[in-house]
Amino acid sequence: MTKIFPDAKDYLTVNEKISPQQLTTIEKKLGYEVLPGQRDVFQYFTMTGENGDPIGAIIAVTQKGEYGAVEVVFGF
C-alpha cells in the first residue's frame, strides 16, 4: 500500500456491512453473484499521513481467475 501512497505512515481498516438490498443491487448491476466471502462486508483501507489525517484510500479485491486468484489493488 505504501507503493501507492509513499507518504502514508499508517492505515485504518474500514468494514462496511452490506445489506441484503445492497447485495441485490450490486449483483444485478454486475450480472453475476458476488463470491461467498464478499457478500456480507465491504472492506477498504484509509491511508493516513504523519499527523493521522487521511491522505487516500485503498481497495484490495481478490477474484477467482482461470488459473488461480487474481488480486487487484486500487488507490484513490
PDB file of N, CA and C in Angstrom:
ATOM      1  N   MET A   1       0.818  -1.189   0.000  1.00  0.00           N
ATOM      2  CA  MET A   1       0.000   0.000   0.000  1.00  0.00           C
ATOM      3  C   MET A   1       0.864   1.256   0.000  1.00  0.00           C
ATOM      4  N   THR A   2       2.053   1.156   0.557  1.00  0.00           N
ATOM      5  CA  THR A   2       2.926   2.330   0.571  1.00  0.00           C
ATOM      6  C   THR A   2       3.539   2.603  -0.804  1.00  0.00           C
ATOM      7  N   LYS A   3       3.459   1.655  -1.722  1.00  0.00           N
ATOM      8  CA  LYS A   3       3.904   1.939  -3.093  1.00  0.00           C
ATOM      9  C   LYS A   3       2.934   2.908  -3.765  1.00  0.00           C
ATOM     10  N   ILE A   4       1.666   2.818  -3.409  1.00  0.00           N
ATOM     11  CA  ILE A   4       0.657   3.723  -3.968  1.00  0.00           C
ATOM     12  C   ILE A   4       0.655   5.043  -3.208  1.00  0.00           C
ATOM     13  N   PHE A   5       0.810   4.989  -1.888  1.00  0.00           N
ATOM     14  CA  PHE A   5       0.849   6.185  -1.045  1.00  0.00           C
ATOM     15  C   PHE A   5       2.158   6.196  -0.257  1.00  0.00           C
ATOM     16  N   PRO A   6       3.261   6.621  -0.868  1.00  0.00           N
ATOM     17  CA  PRO A   6       4.561   6.579  -0.187  1.00  0.00           C
ATOM     18  C   PRO A   6       4.639   7.461   1.059  1.00  0.00           C
ATOM     19  N   ASP A   7       3.774   8.476   1.168  1.00  0.00           N
ATOM     20  CA  ASP A   7       3.781   9.353   2.342  1.00  0.00           C
ATOM     21  C   ASP A   7       2.957   8.796   3.501  1.00  0.00           C
ATOM     22  N   ALA A   8       2.311   7.664   3.296  1.00  0.00           N
ATOM     23  CA  ALA A   8       1.474   7.086   4.351  1.00  0.00           C
ATOM     24  C   ALA A   8       2.336   6.590   5.508  1.00  0.00           C
ATOM     25  N   LYS A   9       1.869   6.858   6.702  1.00  0.00           N
ATOM     26  CA  LYS A   9       2.554   6.404   7.913  1.00  0.00           C
ATOM     27  C   LYS A   9       1.791   5.281   8.608  1.00  0.00           C
ATOM     28  N   ASP A  10       0.493   5.160   8.306  1.00  0.00           N
ATOM     29  CA  ASP A  10      -0.340   4.138   8.931  1.00  0.00           C
ATOM     30  C   ASP A  10      -1.600   3.970   8.090  1.00  0.00           C
ATOM     31  N   TYR A  11      -2.461   3.053   8.499  1.00  0.00           N
ATOM     32  CA  TYR A  11      -3.735   2.877   7.813  1.00  0.00           C
ATOM     33  C   TYR A  11      -4.789   2.409   8.800  1.00  0.00           C
ATOM     34  N   LEU A  12      -6.039   2.648   8.434  1.00  0.00           N
ATOM     35  CA  LEU A  12      -7.179   2.186   9.217  1.00  0.00           C
ATOM     36  C   LEU A  12      -7.961   1.210   8.356  1.00  0.00           C
ATOM     37  N   THR A  13      -8.339   0.083   8.917  1.00  0.00           N
ATOM     38  CA  THR A  13      -9.179  -0.872   8.204  1.00  0.00           C
ATOM     39  C   THR A  13     -10.632  -0.491   8.438  1.00  0.00           C
ATOM     40  N   VAL A  14     -11.384  -0.338   7.357  1.00  0.00           N
ATOM     41  CA  VAL A  14     -12.795   0.038   7.440  1.00  0.00           C
ATOM     42  C   VAL A  14     -13.628  -1.127   6.912  1.00  0.00           C
ATOM     43  N   ASN A  15     -14.587  -1.571   7.697  1.00  0.00           N
ATOM     44  CA  ASN A  15     -15.500  -2.644   7.300  1.00  0.00           C
ATOM     45  C   ASN A  15     -16.920  -2.094   7.271  1.00  0.00           C
ATOM     46  N   GLU A  16     -17.519  -2.095   6.092  1.00  0.00           N
ATOM     47  CA  GLU A  16     -18.895  -1.620   5.927  1.00  0.00           C
ATOM     48  C   GLU A  16     -19.789  -2.821   5.646  1.00  0.00           C
ATOM     49  N   LYS A  17     -20.836  -2.983   6.443  1.00  0.00           N
ATOM     50  CA  LYS A  17     -21.764  -4.093   6.229  1.00  0.00           C
ATOM     51  C   LYS A  17     -22.560  -3.870   4.944  1.00  0.00           C
ATOM     52  N   ILE A  18     -22.813  -4.957   4.234  1.00  0.00           N
ATOM     53  CA  ILE A  18     -23.616  -4.924   3.014  1.00  0.00           C
ATOM     54  C   ILE A  18     -24.995  -5.476   3.366  1.00  0.00           C
ATOM     55  N   SER A  19     -26.020  -4.663   3.183  1.00  0.00           N
ATOM     56  CA  SER A  19     -27.379  -5.111   3.480  1.00  0.00           C
ATOM     57  C   SER A  19     -27.868  -6.033   2.360  1.00  0.00           C
ATOM     58  N   PRO A  20     -28.882  -6.840   2.637  1.00  0.00           N
ATOM     59  CA  PRO A  20     -29.436  -7.698   1.584  1.00  0.00           C
ATOM     60  C   PRO A  20     -29.910  -6.893   0.363  1.00  0.00           C
ATOM     61  N   GLN A  21     -30.478  -5.712   0.600  1.00  0.00           N
ATOM     62  CA  GLN A  21     -30.927  -4.868  -0.505  1.00  0.00           C
ATOM     63  C   GLN A  21     -29.740  -4.375  -1.336  1.00  0.00           C
ATOM     64  N   GLN A  22     -28.667  -3.969  -0.663  1.00  0.00           N
ATOM     65  CA  GLN A  22     -27.468  -3.525  -1.377  1.00  0.00           C
ATOM     66  C   GLN A  22     -26.866  -4.668  -2.183  1.00  0.00           C
ATOM     67  N   LEU A  23     -26.836  -5.870  -1.603  1.00  0.00           N
ATOM     68  CA  LEU A  23     -26.289  -7.034  -2.294  1.00  0.00           C
ATOM     69  C   LEU A  23     -27.089  -7.332  -3.559  1.00  0.00           C
ATOM     70  N   THR A  24     -28.405  -7.256  -3.466  1.00  0.00           N
ATOM     71  CA  THR A  24     -29.257  -7.480  -4.637  1.00  0.00           C
ATOM     72  C   THR A  24     -28.945  -6.470  -5.728  1.00  0.00           C
ATOM     73  N   THR A  25     -28.801  -5.205  -5.366  1.00  0.00           N
ATOM     74  CA  THR A  25     -28.476  -4.154  -6.335  1.00  0.00           C
ATOM     75  C   THR A  25     -27.109  -4.392  -6.967  1.00  0.00           C
ATOM     76  N   ILE A  26     -26.125  -4.726  -6.156  1.00  0.00           N
ATOM     77  CA  ILE A  26     -24.764  -4.973  -6.650  1.00  0.00           C
ATOM     78  C   ILE A  26     -24.765  -6.127  -7.645  1.00  0.00           C
ATOM     79  N   GLU A  27     -25.399  -7.237  -7.277  1.00  0.00           N
ATOM     80  CA  GLU A  27     -25.404  -8.412  -8.148  1.00  0.00           C
ATOM     81  C   GLU A  27     -26.182  -8.159  -9.437  1.00  0.00           C
ATOM     82  N   LYS A  28     -27.226  -7.365  -9.352  1.00  0.00           N
ATOM     83  CA  LYS A  28     -27.994  -7.031 -10.562  1.00  0.00           C
ATOM     84  C   LYS A  28     -27.132  -6.212 -11.521  1.00  0.00           C
ATOM     85  N   LYS A  29     -26.399  -5.242 -10.984  1.00  0.00           N
ATOM     86  CA  LYS A  29     -25.533  -4.408 -11.829  1.00  0.00           C
ATOM     87  C   LYS A  29     -24.355  -5.202 -12.388  1.00  0.00           C
ATOM     88  N   LEU A  30     -23.805  -6.127 -11.591  1.00  0.00           N
ATOM     89  CA  LEU A  30     -22.685  -6.950 -12.046  1.00  0.00           C
ATOM     90  C   LEU A  30     -23.120  -7.977 -13.086  1.00  0.00           C
ATOM     91  N   GLY A  31     -24.318  -8.502 -12.905  1.00  0.00           N
ATOM     92  CA  GLY A  31     -24.796  -9.557 -13.791  1.00  0.00           C
ATOM     93  C   GLY A  31     -24.403 -10.948 -13.319  1.00  0.00           C
ATOM     94  N   TYR A  32     -23.850 -11.056 -12.124  1.00  0.00           N
ATOM     95  CA  TYR A  32     -23.495 -12.352 -11.544  1.00  0.00           C
ATOM     96  C   TYR A  32     -23.456 -12.219 -10.028  1.00  0.00           C
ATOM     97  N   GLU A  33     -23.440 -13.375  -9.348  1.00  0.00           N
ATOM     98  CA  GLU A  33     -23.422 -13.374  -7.887  1.00  0.00           C
ATOM     99  C   GLU A  33     -22.042 -13.025  -7.348  1.00  0.00           C
ATOM    100  N   VAL A  34     -22.031 -12.291  -6.251  1.00  0.00           N
ATOM    101  CA  VAL A  34     -20.794 -11.961  -5.549  1.00  0.00           C
ATOM    102  C   VAL A  34     -20.296 -13.235  -4.861  1.00  0.00           C
ATOM    103  N   LEU A  35     -18.979 -13.414  -4.799  1.00  0.00           N
ATOM    104  CA  LEU A  35     -18.402 -14.602  -4.166  1.00  0.00           C
ATOM    105  C   LEU A  35     -18.779 -14.671  -2.686  1.00  0.00           C
ATOM    106  N   PRO A  36     -18.892 -15.885  -2.121  1.00  0.00           N
ATOM    107  CA  PRO A  36     -19.340 -16.047  -0.731  1.00  0.00           C
ATOM    108  C   PRO A  36     -18.585 -15.201   0.293  1.00  0.00           C
ATOM    109  N   GLY A  37     -17.292 -15.052   0.192  1.00  0.00           N
ATOM    110  CA  GLY A  37     -16.529 -14.284   1.172  1.00  0.00           C
ATOM    111  C   GLY A  37     -16.671 -12.778   1.036  1.00  0.00           C
ATOM    112  N   GLN A  38     -17.432 -12.329   0.028  1.00  0.00           N
ATOM    113  CA  GLN A  38     -17.571 -10.894  -0.227  1.00  0.00           C
ATOM    114  C   GLN A  38     -19.020 -10.418  -0.139  1.00  0.00           C
ATOM    115  N   ARG A  39     -19.892 -11.235   0.403  1.00  0.00           N
ATOM    116  CA  ARG A  39     -21.320 -10.936   0.394  1.00  0.00           C
ATOM    117  C   ARG A  39     -21.782 -10.092   1.583  1.00  0.00           C
ATOM    118  N   ASP A  40     -21.070 -10.141   2.693  1.00  0.00           N
ATOM    119  CA  ASP A  40     -21.552  -9.516   3.926  1.00  0.00           C
ATOM    120  C   ASP A  40     -20.887  -8.193   4.267  1.00  0.00           C
ATOM    121  N   VAL A  41     -19.602  -8.061   3.922  1.00  0.00           N
ATOM    122  CA  VAL A  41     -18.830  -6.887   4.341  1.00  0.00           C
ATOM    123  C   VAL A  41     -17.972  -6.385   3.186  1.00  0.00           C
ATOM    124  N   PHE A  42     -17.952  -5.060   3.010  1.00  0.00           N
ATOM    125  CA  PHE A  42     -17.054  -4.416   2.054  1.00  0.00           C
ATOM    126  C   PHE A  42     -15.913  -3.811   2.863  1.00  0.00           C
ATOM    127  N   GLN A  43     -14.691  -4.190   2.537  1.00  0.00           N
ATOM    128  CA  GLN A  43     -13.536  -3.723   3.308  1.00  0.00           C
ATOM    129  C   GLN A  43     -12.646  -2.832   2.447  1.00  0.00           C
ATOM    130  N   TYR A  44     -12.194  -1.735   3.049  1.00  0.00           N
ATOM    131  CA  TYR A  44     -11.193  -0.886   2.409  1.00  0.00           C
ATOM    132  C   TYR A  44     -10.288  -0.314   3.490  1.00  0.00           C
ATOM    133  N   PHE A  45      -9.235   0.360   3.060  1.00  0.00           N
ATOM    134  CA  PHE A  45      -8.236   0.876   3.990  1.00  0.00           C
ATOM    135  C   PHE A  45      -8.065   2.374   3.777  1.00  0.00           C
ATOM    136  N   THR A  46      -8.169   3.148   4.849  1.00  0.00           N
ATOM    137  CA  THR A  46      -7.903   4.579   4.798  1.00  0.00           C
ATOM    138  C   THR A  46      -6.439   4.791   5.156  1.00  0.00           C
ATOM    139  N   MET A  47      -5.690   5.355   4.229  1.00  0.00           N
ATOM    140  CA  MET A  47      -4.268   5.612   4.452  1.00  0.00           C
ATOM    141  C   MET A  47      -4.131   6.953   5.163  1.00  0.00           C
ATOM    142  N   THR A  48      -3.285   7.006   6.182  1.00  0.00           N
ATOM    143  CA  THR A  48      -3.119   8.230   6.957  1.00  0.00           C
ATOM    144  C   THR A  48      -1.678   8.722   6.884  1.00  0.00           C
ATOM    145  N   GLY A  49      -1.551  10.042   6.949  1.00  0.00           N
ATOM    146  CA  GLY A  49      -0.239  10.677   6.891  1.00  0.00           C
ATOM    147  C   GLY A  49       0.396  10.795   8.262  1.00  0.00           C
ATOM    148  N   GLU A  50       1.432  11.599   8.316  1.00  0.00           N
ATOM    149  CA  GLU A  50       2.237  11.735   9.528  1.00  0.00           C
ATOM    150  C   GLU A  50       1.432  12.189  10.742  1.00  0.00           C
ATOM    151  N   ASN A  51       0.462  13.090  10.541  1.00  0.00           N
ATOM    152  CA  ASN A  51      -0.325  13.596  11.674  1.00  0.00           C
ATOM    153  C   ASN A  51      -1.654  12.857  11.850  1.00  0.00           C
ATOM    154  N   GLY A  52      -1.841  11.743  11.120  1.00  0.00           N
ATOM    155  CA  GLY A  52      -3.049  10.936  11.272  1.00  0.00           C
ATOM    156  C   GLY A  52      -4.196  11.316  10.369  1.00  0.00           C
ATOM    157  N   ASP A  53      -4.026  12.368   9.566  1.00  0.00           N
ATOM    158  CA  ASP A  53      -5.084  12.774   8.640  1.00  0.00           C
ATOM    159  C   ASP A  53      -5.140  11.830   7.441  1.00  0.00           C
ATOM    160  N   PRO A  54      -6.346  11.562   6.923  1.00  0.00           N
ATOM    161  CA  PRO A  54      -6.466  10.697   5.745  1.00  0.00           C
ATOM    162  C   PRO A  54      -5.795  11.333   4.526  1.00  0.00           C
ATOM    163  N   ILE A  55      -5.058  10.514   3.779  1.00  0.00           N
ATOM    164  CA  ILE A  55      -4.432  11.013   2.549  1.00  0.00           C
ATOM    165  C   ILE A  55      -4.890  10.218   1.327  1.00  0.00           C
ATOM    166  N   GLY A  56      -5.672   9.178   1.537  1.00  0.00           N
ATOM    167  CA  GLY A  56      -6.174   8.380   0.427  1.00  0.00           C
ATOM    168  C   GLY A  56      -6.810   7.101   0.937  1.00  0.00           C
ATOM    169  N   ALA A  57      -7.266   6.301  -0.012  1.00  0.00           N
ATOM    170  CA  ALA A  57      -7.902   5.029   0.333  1.00  0.00           C
ATOM    171  C   ALA A  57      -7.423   3.941  -0.616  1.00  0.00           C
ATOM    172  N   ILE A  58      -7.432   2.726  -0.124  1.00  0.00           N
ATOM    173  CA  ILE A  58      -7.026   1.547  -0.889  1.00  0.00           C
ATOM    174  C   ILE A  58      -8.172   0.540  -0.860  1.00  0.00           C
ATOM    175  N   ILE A  59      -8.475  -0.011  -2.028  1.00  0.00           N
ATOM    176  CA  ILE A  59      -9.391  -1.144  -2.116  1.00  0.00           C
ATOM    177  C   ILE A  59      -8.593  -2.293  -2.714  1.00  0.00           C
ATOM    178  N   ALA A  60      -8.526  -3.395  -2.003  1.00  0.00           N
ATOM    179  CA  ALA A  60      -7.848  -4.598  -2.496  1.00  0.00           C
ATOM    180  C   ALA A  60      -8.912  -5.664  -2.745  1.00  0.00           C
ATOM    181  N   VAL A  61      -8.969  -6.152  -3.972  1.00  0.00           N
ATOM    182  CA  VAL A  61     -10.003  -7.105  -4.371  1.00  0.00           C
ATOM    183  C   VAL A  61      -9.341  -8.383  -4.869  1.00  0.00           C
ATOM    184  N   THR A  62      -9.788  -9.508  -4.377  1.00  0.00           N
ATOM    185  CA  THR A  62      -9.317 -10.806  -4.865  1.00  0.00           C
ATOM    186  C   THR A  62     -10.487 -11.508  -5.539  1.00  0.00           C
ATOM    187  N   GLN A  63     -10.273 -11.945  -6.764  1.00  0.00           N
ATOM    188  CA  GLN A  63     -11.296 -12.650  -7.525  1.00  0.00           C
ATOM    189  C   GLN A  63     -10.735 -13.970  -8.023  1.00  0.00           C
ATOM    190  N   LYS A  64     -11.639 -14.872  -8.323  1.00  0.00           N
ATOM    191  CA  LYS A  64     -11.246 -16.165  -8.855  1.00  0.00           C
ATOM    192  C   LYS A  64     -10.906 -15.998 -10.333  1.00  0.00           C
ATOM    193  N   GLY A  65      -9.690 -16.385 -10.708  1.00  0.00           N
ATOM    194  CA  GLY A  65      -9.259 -16.322 -12.093  1.00  0.00           C
ATOM    195  C   GLY A  65      -9.214 -17.705 -12.712  1.00  0.00           C
ATOM    196  N   GLU A  66      -8.915 -17.765 -13.980  1.00  0.00           N
ATOM    197  CA  GLU A  66      -8.878 -19.038 -14.697  1.00  0.00           C
ATOM    198  C   GLU A  66      -7.824 -19.987 -14.128  1.00  0.00           C
ATOM    199  N   TYR A  67      -6.676 -19.439 -13.697  1.00  0.00           N
ATOM    200  CA  TYR A  67      -5.576 -20.261 -13.203  1.00  0.00           C
ATOM    201  C   TYR A  67      -5.265 -20.019 -11.729  1.00  0.00           C
ATOM    202  N   GLY A  68      -6.174 -19.401 -11.001  1.00  0.00           N
ATOM    203  CA  GLY A  68      -5.960 -19.116  -9.589  1.00  0.00           C
ATOM    204  C   GLY A  68      -6.473 -17.731  -9.238  1.00  0.00           C
ATOM    205  N   ALA A  69      -6.132 -17.283  -8.066  1.00  0.00           N
ATOM    206  CA  ALA A  69      -6.616 -15.988  -7.581  1.00  0.00           C
ATOM    207  C   ALA A  69      -5.945 -14.832  -8.317  1.00  0.00           C
ATOM    208  N   VAL A  70      -6.730 -13.776  -8.534  1.00  0.00           N
ATOM    209  CA  VAL A  70      -6.234 -12.539  -9.126  1.00  0.00           C
ATOM    210  C   VAL A  70      -6.514 -11.431  -8.117  1.00  0.00           C
ATOM    211  N   GLU A  71      -5.479 -10.706  -7.706  1.00  0.00           N
ATOM    212  CA  GLU A  71      -5.668  -9.607  -6.760  1.00  0.00           C
ATOM    213  C   GLU A  71      -5.410  -8.289  -7.464  1.00  0.00           C
ATOM    214  N   VAL A  72      -6.353  -7.369  -7.296  1.00  0.00           N
ATOM    215  CA  VAL A  72      -6.252  -6.036  -7.880  1.00  0.00           C
ATOM    216  C   VAL A  72      -6.307  -5.035  -6.735  1.00  0.00           C
ATOM    217  N   VAL A  73      -5.412  -4.058  -6.750  1.00  0.00           N
ATOM    218  CA  VAL A  73      -5.364  -3.040  -5.701  1.00  0.00           C
ATOM    219  C   VAL A  73      -5.575  -1.678  -6.348  1.00  0.00           C
ATOM    220  N   PHE A  74      -6.582  -0.947  -5.856  1.00  0.00           N
ATOM    221  CA  PHE A  74      -6.902   0.392  -6.346  1.00  0.00           C
ATOM    222  C   PHE A  74      -6.540   1.410  -5.274  1.00  0.00           C
ATOM    223  N   GLY A  75      -5.949   2.500  -5.664  1.00  0.00           N
ATOM    224  CA  GLY A  75      -5.689   3.601  -4.744  1.00  0.00           C
ATOM    225  C   GLY A  75      -6.341   4.860  -5.274  1.00  0.00           C
ATOM    226  N   PHE A  76      -6.994   5.587  -4.404  1.00  0.00           N
ATOM    227  CA  PHE A  76      -7.602   6.860  -4.808  1.00  0.00           C
ATOM    228  C   PHE A  76      -7.641   7.821  -3.651  1.00  0.00           C
TER     229      PHE A  76
END
